[in-house]
Protein backbone atom coordinates (compact mmCIF):
# COMPACT_ATOMS: atom_id res chain seq x y z
CA UNK A 1 114.24 131.31 101.29
CA UNK A 2 117.41 130.73 103.24
CA UNK A 3 118.43 127.81 105.37
CA UNK A 4 117.45 129.70 108.51
CA UNK A 5 113.98 130.64 107.32
CA UNK A 6 111.33 130.14 110.00
CA UNK A 7 107.84 128.79 109.43
CA UNK A 8 106.37 132.25 109.99
CA UNK A 9 108.26 133.52 106.92
CA UNK A 10 106.60 131.00 104.63
CA UNK A 11 103.38 132.09 102.93
CA UNK A 12 100.25 130.06 102.33
CA UNK A 13 99.50 126.66 103.75
CA UNK A 14 103.18 125.98 104.41
CA UNK A 15 103.13 128.45 107.25
CA UNK A 16 101.09 126.24 109.61
CA UNK A 17 98.37 127.78 111.76
CA UNK A 18 95.01 127.98 110.04
CA UNK A 19 96.52 126.70 106.82
CA UNK A 20 98.16 123.65 108.41
CA UNK A 21 97.57 120.55 106.31
CA UNK A 22 95.82 117.37 107.43
CA UNK A 23 97.06 113.80 107.34
CA UNK A 24 95.50 112.99 103.97
CA UNK A 25 97.07 116.09 102.36
CA UNK A 26 100.60 116.03 103.75
CA UNK A 27 102.29 114.28 100.82
CA UNK A 28 100.51 116.50 98.30
CA UNK A 29 101.42 119.55 100.38
CA UNK A 30 105.09 118.64 100.45
CA UNK A 31 105.10 118.04 96.72
CA UNK A 32 103.30 121.31 95.99
CA UNK A 33 105.57 123.42 98.18
CA UNK A 34 108.92 121.76 97.77
CA UNK A 35 110.17 124.14 95.08
CA UNK A 36 109.64 127.13 97.38
CA UNK A 37 111.95 125.71 100.03
CA UNK A 38 115.69 126.04 100.45
CA UNK A 39 117.97 123.47 98.84
CA UNK A 40 118.61 121.72 102.15
CA UNK A 41 114.88 121.51 102.88
CA UNK A 42 114.21 120.27 99.35
CA UNK A 43 116.58 117.37 100.01
CA UNK A 44 114.53 116.48 103.08
CA UNK A 45 111.31 116.75 101.09
CA UNK A 46 112.55 114.53 98.28
CA UNK A 47 113.73 111.96 100.79
CA UNK A 48 110.32 111.83 102.47
CA UNK A 49 108.42 111.69 99.17
CA UNK A 50 110.66 108.90 97.89
CA UNK A 51 110.37 106.78 101.04
CA UNK A 52 107.55 107.90 103.36
CA UNK A 53 107.43 104.53 105.12
CA UNK A 54 111.05 104.86 106.18
CA UNK A 55 110.57 108.49 107.20
CA UNK A 56 107.74 107.56 109.57
CA UNK A 57 110.05 105.19 111.46
CA UNK A 58 113.26 107.24 111.33
CA UNK A 59 114.43 109.66 114.01
CA UNK A 60 115.69 113.17 113.34
CA UNK A 61 119.34 112.06 113.29
CA UNK A 62 118.64 109.33 110.71
CA UNK A 63 116.74 111.69 108.44
CA UNK A 64 119.41 114.38 108.74
CA UNK A 65 122.20 111.92 107.95
CA UNK A 66 120.46 110.43 104.93
CA UNK A 67 119.47 113.82 103.55
CA UNK A 68 122.88 115.33 104.28
CA UNK A 69 121.51 118.22 106.34
CA UNK A 70 121.52 119.35 109.97
CA UNK A 71 118.93 118.29 112.56
CA UNK A 72 117.50 121.85 112.87
CA UNK A 73 116.82 121.78 109.13
CA UNK A 74 114.49 118.82 109.66
CA UNK A 75 112.48 120.79 112.20
CA UNK A 76 112.33 123.82 109.91
CA UNK A 77 111.17 121.59 107.06
CA UNK A 78 108.39 120.12 109.21
CA UNK A 79 107.13 123.61 110.04
CA UNK A 80 107.42 124.65 106.41
CA UNK A 81 105.23 121.69 105.51
CA UNK A 82 102.47 122.95 107.79
CA UNK A 83 103.31 120.82 110.84
CA UNK A 84 104.14 121.81 114.40
CA UNK A 85 107.35 119.81 114.32
CA UNK A 86 108.85 116.47 113.29
CA UNK A 87 106.52 114.48 115.55
CA UNK A 88 103.46 116.10 113.98
CA UNK A 89 104.90 115.56 110.50
CA UNK A 90 105.45 111.85 111.18
CA UNK A 91 101.94 111.47 112.60
CA UNK A 92 100.47 113.01 109.45
CA UNK A 93 102.67 110.83 107.24
CA UNK A 94 101.53 107.74 109.13
CA UNK A 95 97.93 108.86 108.75
CA UNK A 96 98.35 109.41 105.02
CA UNK A 97 99.87 105.96 104.57
CA UNK A 98 97.12 104.37 106.67
CA UNK A 99 94.50 106.07 104.49
CA UNK A 100 96.14 104.59 101.44
CA UNK A 101 97.31 107.87 99.99
CA UNK A 102 98.78 107.77 97.47
CA UNK A 103 96.65 104.71 96.68
CA UNK A 104 97.94 103.79 93.22
CA UNK A 105 101.58 104.86 93.36
CA UNK A 106 103.46 106.59 96.14
CA UNK A 107 104.50 109.38 93.75
CA UNK A 108 101.10 109.89 92.07
CA UNK A 109 98.11 111.77 93.45
CA UNK A 110 94.49 112.19 92.47
CA UNK A 111 93.93 114.96 89.96
CA UNK A 112 97.34 114.78 88.30
CA UNK A 113 97.57 114.86 84.52
CA UNK A 114 99.05 112.14 82.33
CA UNK A 115 102.19 114.24 82.00
CA UNK A 116 102.40 114.49 85.80
CA UNK A 117 102.03 110.72 86.17
CA UNK A 118 104.72 110.00 83.57
CA UNK A 119 107.09 112.49 85.17
CA UNK A 120 106.44 111.34 88.73
CA UNK A 121 106.63 107.60 88.07
CA UNK A 122 109.78 107.79 85.96
CA UNK A 123 111.30 110.27 88.39
CA UNK A 124 110.55 107.93 91.26
CA UNK A 125 112.24 105.01 89.52
CA UNK A 126 115.26 107.13 88.63
CA UNK A 127 115.63 108.34 92.21
CA UNK A 128 115.27 104.84 93.64
CA UNK A 129 117.87 103.43 91.24
CA UNK A 130 120.34 106.16 92.15
CA UNK A 131 119.80 105.57 95.88
CA UNK A 132 120.14 101.80 95.44
CA UNK A 133 123.39 102.27 93.53
CA UNK A 134 124.72 104.58 96.23
CA UNK A 135 124.09 102.02 98.95
CA UNK A 136 125.19 98.96 96.99
CA UNK A 137 128.51 97.29 97.68
CA UNK A 138 129.75 96.25 94.20
CA UNK A 139 132.00 93.66 95.83
CA UNK A 140 128.92 91.58 96.66
CA UNK A 141 127.91 91.42 93.00
CA UNK A 142 131.49 90.56 92.07
CA UNK A 143 131.52 87.73 94.64
CA UNK A 144 128.23 86.46 93.23
CA UNK A 145 129.60 86.55 89.67
CA UNK A 146 132.71 84.61 90.72
CA UNK A 147 130.61 81.94 92.43
CA UNK A 148 128.32 81.57 89.40
CA UNK A 149 131.25 81.42 86.98
CA UNK A 150 132.85 78.44 88.75
CA UNK A 151 129.61 76.61 89.58
CA UNK A 152 128.85 73.17 88.20
CA UNK A 153 125.16 73.99 88.22
CA UNK A 154 123.07 77.06 89.07
CA UNK A 155 119.49 76.72 90.30
CA UNK A 156 117.39 79.90 90.23
CA UNK A 157 114.41 79.93 92.60
CA UNK A 158 111.56 82.42 92.63
CA UNK A 159 108.06 82.22 94.11
CA UNK A 160 105.24 84.48 92.98
CA UNK A 161 104.55 86.31 89.73
CA UNK A 162 107.48 88.73 89.77
CA UNK A 163 110.11 86.51 91.38
CA UNK A 164 109.12 83.61 89.13
CA UNK A 165 109.66 85.74 86.03
CA UNK A 166 112.98 87.08 87.32
CA UNK A 167 114.22 83.55 88.06
CA UNK A 168 113.26 82.49 84.53
CA UNK A 169 115.00 85.54 83.09
CA UNK A 170 118.16 84.83 85.07
CA UNK A 171 118.15 81.19 83.95
CA UNK A 172 117.76 82.20 80.30
CA UNK A 173 120.68 84.63 80.56
CA UNK A 174 122.90 82.05 82.23
CA UNK A 175 121.94 79.52 79.59
CA UNK A 176 122.99 81.91 76.82
CA UNK A 177 126.37 82.26 78.52
CA UNK A 178 126.85 78.50 78.19
CA UNK A 179 126.26 77.75 81.88
CA UNK A 180 124.16 74.91 83.25
CA UNK A 181 121.19 76.58 84.90
CA UNK A 182 117.64 75.76 85.95
CA UNK A 183 114.69 77.84 87.16
CA UNK A 184 112.02 76.59 89.55
CA UNK A 185 108.91 78.29 90.92
CA UNK A 186 106.98 75.23 92.11
CA UNK A 187 107.61 74.57 95.82
CA UNK A 188 108.00 70.81 95.32
CA UNK A 189 110.50 71.17 92.48
CA UNK A 190 112.41 73.79 94.45
CA UNK A 191 112.77 71.37 97.35
CA UNK A 192 113.78 68.44 95.14
CA UNK A 193 116.31 70.57 93.26
CA UNK A 194 117.79 71.91 96.49
CA UNK A 195 118.17 68.39 97.86
CA UNK A 196 120.34 67.41 94.88
CA UNK A 197 122.76 70.34 95.12
CA UNK A 198 126.38 69.93 96.16
CA UNK A 199 129.21 72.14 97.30
CA UNK A 200 130.08 72.64 93.62
CA UNK A 201 126.73 74.30 92.92
CA UNK A 202 125.06 77.68 93.39
CA UNK A 203 121.50 78.40 94.48
CA UNK A 204 120.13 81.84 93.58
CA UNK A 205 116.96 82.79 95.46
CA UNK A 206 114.98 85.85 94.35
CA UNK A 207 112.32 87.32 96.62
CA UNK A 208 111.80 90.99 97.40
CA UNK A 209 109.63 90.12 100.41
CA UNK A 210 112.07 87.42 101.54
CA UNK A 211 109.58 85.56 103.75
CA UNK A 212 107.97 82.86 101.58
CA UNK A 213 108.01 79.68 103.75
CA UNK A 214 108.43 77.18 100.91
CA UNK A 215 111.27 79.17 99.37
CA UNK A 216 113.01 79.53 102.73
CA UNK A 217 112.76 75.79 103.29
CA UNK A 218 114.31 75.03 99.88
CA UNK A 219 117.13 77.50 100.51
CA UNK A 220 117.82 75.94 103.90
CA UNK A 221 118.06 72.50 102.29
CA UNK A 222 120.37 73.75 99.53
CA UNK A 223 122.59 75.43 102.08
CA UNK A 224 122.75 72.24 104.15
CA UNK A 225 123.92 70.39 101.03
CA UNK A 226 126.85 72.79 100.75
CA UNK A 227 125.66 74.95 97.86
CA UNK A 228 126.67 78.61 97.75
CA UNK A 229 123.50 80.62 98.36
CA UNK A 230 123.07 83.97 96.58
CA UNK A 231 119.97 85.96 97.47
CA UNK A 232 118.34 89.03 95.94
CA UNK A 233 116.11 90.38 98.70
CA UNK A 234 115.65 93.11 101.27
CA UNK A 235 118.13 93.25 104.10
CA UNK A 236 116.85 92.06 107.45
CA UNK A 237 114.54 89.41 105.97
CA UNK A 238 114.69 85.68 106.81
CA UNK A 239 115.96 85.03 103.28
CA UNK A 240 118.81 87.50 103.73
CA UNK A 241 119.85 85.62 106.86
CA UNK A 242 120.29 82.44 104.79
CA UNK A 243 122.44 83.96 102.04
CA UNK A 244 126.19 83.53 101.79
CA UNK A 245 126.08 86.46 99.36
CA UNK A 246 123.33 89.07 99.68
CA UNK A 247 122.50 91.52 96.89
CA UNK A 248 120.23 93.95 98.78
CA UNK A 249 116.96 95.09 97.24
CA UNK A 250 116.20 97.92 99.65
CA UNK A 251 113.70 100.16 97.89
CA UNK A 252 110.52 101.91 99.11
CA UNK A 253 107.28 99.97 99.47
CA UNK A 254 104.72 100.15 96.67
CA UNK A 255 101.27 101.57 97.42
CA UNK A 256 99.30 98.59 96.12
CA UNK A 257 101.65 95.65 95.46
CA UNK A 258 104.17 93.72 97.52
CA UNK A 259 106.64 94.13 94.68
CA UNK A 260 106.21 97.46 92.93
CA UNK A 261 107.75 98.91 89.81
CA UNK A 262 110.73 100.35 91.67
CA UNK A 263 111.67 97.00 93.20
CA UNK A 264 111.09 95.20 89.91
CA UNK A 265 113.32 97.55 87.92
CA UNK A 266 116.11 97.42 90.51
CA UNK A 267 116.01 93.61 90.50
CA UNK A 268 116.27 93.59 86.70
CA UNK A 269 119.26 95.93 86.84
CA UNK A 270 120.94 93.76 89.47
CA UNK A 271 120.51 90.69 87.25
CA UNK A 272 121.80 92.61 84.22
CA UNK A 273 124.93 93.77 86.07
CA UNK A 274 125.48 90.30 87.49
CA UNK A 275 125.30 88.68 84.05
CA UNK A 276 127.73 91.21 82.59
CA UNK A 277 130.19 90.49 85.39
CA UNK A 278 129.86 86.75 84.77
CA UNK A 279 130.41 87.26 81.05
CA UNK A 280 133.49 89.39 81.61
CA UNK A 281 134.95 86.59 83.71
CA UNK A 282 134.50 84.11 80.86
CA UNK A 283 137.05 85.86 78.68
CA UNK A 284 137.48 85.92 74.88
CA UNK A 285 135.87 82.50 74.44
CA UNK A 286 132.50 84.01 75.25
CA UNK A 287 132.69 86.32 72.24
CA UNK A 288 133.10 83.38 69.87
CA UNK A 289 130.19 81.52 71.48
CA UNK A 290 127.91 84.55 71.35
CA UNK A 291 128.80 85.21 67.71
CA UNK A 292 128.01 81.59 66.88
CA UNK A 293 124.71 81.85 68.72
CA UNK A 294 123.79 85.04 66.88
CA UNK A 295 124.66 83.39 63.56
CA UNK A 296 122.30 80.52 64.30
CA UNK A 297 119.51 82.88 65.34
CA UNK A 298 119.99 85.04 62.26
CA UNK A 299 120.04 82.00 59.98
CA UNK A 300 116.83 80.48 61.27
CA UNK A 301 114.83 83.64 61.71
CA UNK A 302 114.79 84.03 65.48
CA UNK A 303 115.65 87.41 67.04
CA UNK A 304 115.47 88.95 63.56
CA UNK A 305 113.70 92.16 62.59
CA UNK A 306 113.57 91.09 58.93
CA UNK A 307 110.15 89.42 58.45
CA UNK A 308 111.25 87.82 55.18
CA UNK A 309 113.38 85.37 57.12
CA UNK A 310 110.39 84.32 59.22
CA UNK A 311 108.25 84.02 56.09
CA UNK A 312 110.88 81.81 54.50
CA UNK A 313 110.85 79.61 57.57
CA UNK A 314 107.08 79.23 57.40
CA UNK A 315 107.29 78.34 53.67
CA UNK A 316 109.84 75.63 54.46
CA UNK A 317 107.57 74.21 57.16
CA UNK A 318 104.55 74.17 54.84
CA UNK A 319 106.54 72.56 52.03
CA UNK A 320 107.82 69.93 54.44
CA UNK A 321 104.27 69.27 55.68
CA UNK A 322 103.14 68.48 52.10
CA UNK A 323 105.94 65.96 51.55
CA UNK A 324 105.35 62.24 52.27
CA UNK A 325 106.39 61.07 55.74
CA UNK A 326 109.68 59.25 56.24
CA UNK A 327 109.36 55.47 56.17
CA UNK A 328 112.60 54.77 58.05
């Protein structure tokens, strides 16, 4: 099928008319028919499948620009998908999202096999990561790394299950680099910590949603104290407005959770890249410190695959437990 193919040239339910698809079927229909479309229309289809929420709100020019195709291609795609035009396509997309389809994952549909689920979920994550990388300004991560490297103290704040874990993970990585870092998820501790920050410190706030009132209040206090505020969140959120440095987490919405797998993986990658940039700024001295740390861990049986080391450690503990207590 060529770029100029009309809807009437497309067989089956992608031709519209009696075979036009309903709102609940539109995403499945696009997925089923995407390989029969032209390359330019496939780009449109992938874009819509990867981010249906955005597609519902976008106009034809936005979709064409993001997909790298012409505006008429968008109209041809809509007809190929069994819709009368872009307006009808967007109405059916909105209906599908309102019905909760797909209800477990935006790339998974009822009736798919385990192989389909594995392929679709991993493919979704891969696509989202590539799109995030394309949009990301690496200079923002570099600015964040520079601020962290020179900070007297770094406080990592995260509220909620995912953000809390990410803040803890960031703190642990900073700690291993020899930097003074804390992680707080409790609203009271976040506020107290923020109140003790100075212009020599950095506050890192992690929240994909970017609207948690207690977190916003703590960030405001830290900013008032002069701390450099680094935020990992979606652009356009209240948290993004408070950041001196914003690392954007703009990924599609999950079907069932506020923070889905795609957002979680992208946040982990952002933290990984940030820590590497910080480490590179520390120079050769970091290598010596990391080697010393690894030596200690190897010696005492932590982070070792060899179970004999752990067994030896347990034997030493048991032997010590049988010995008489110190009288000093």
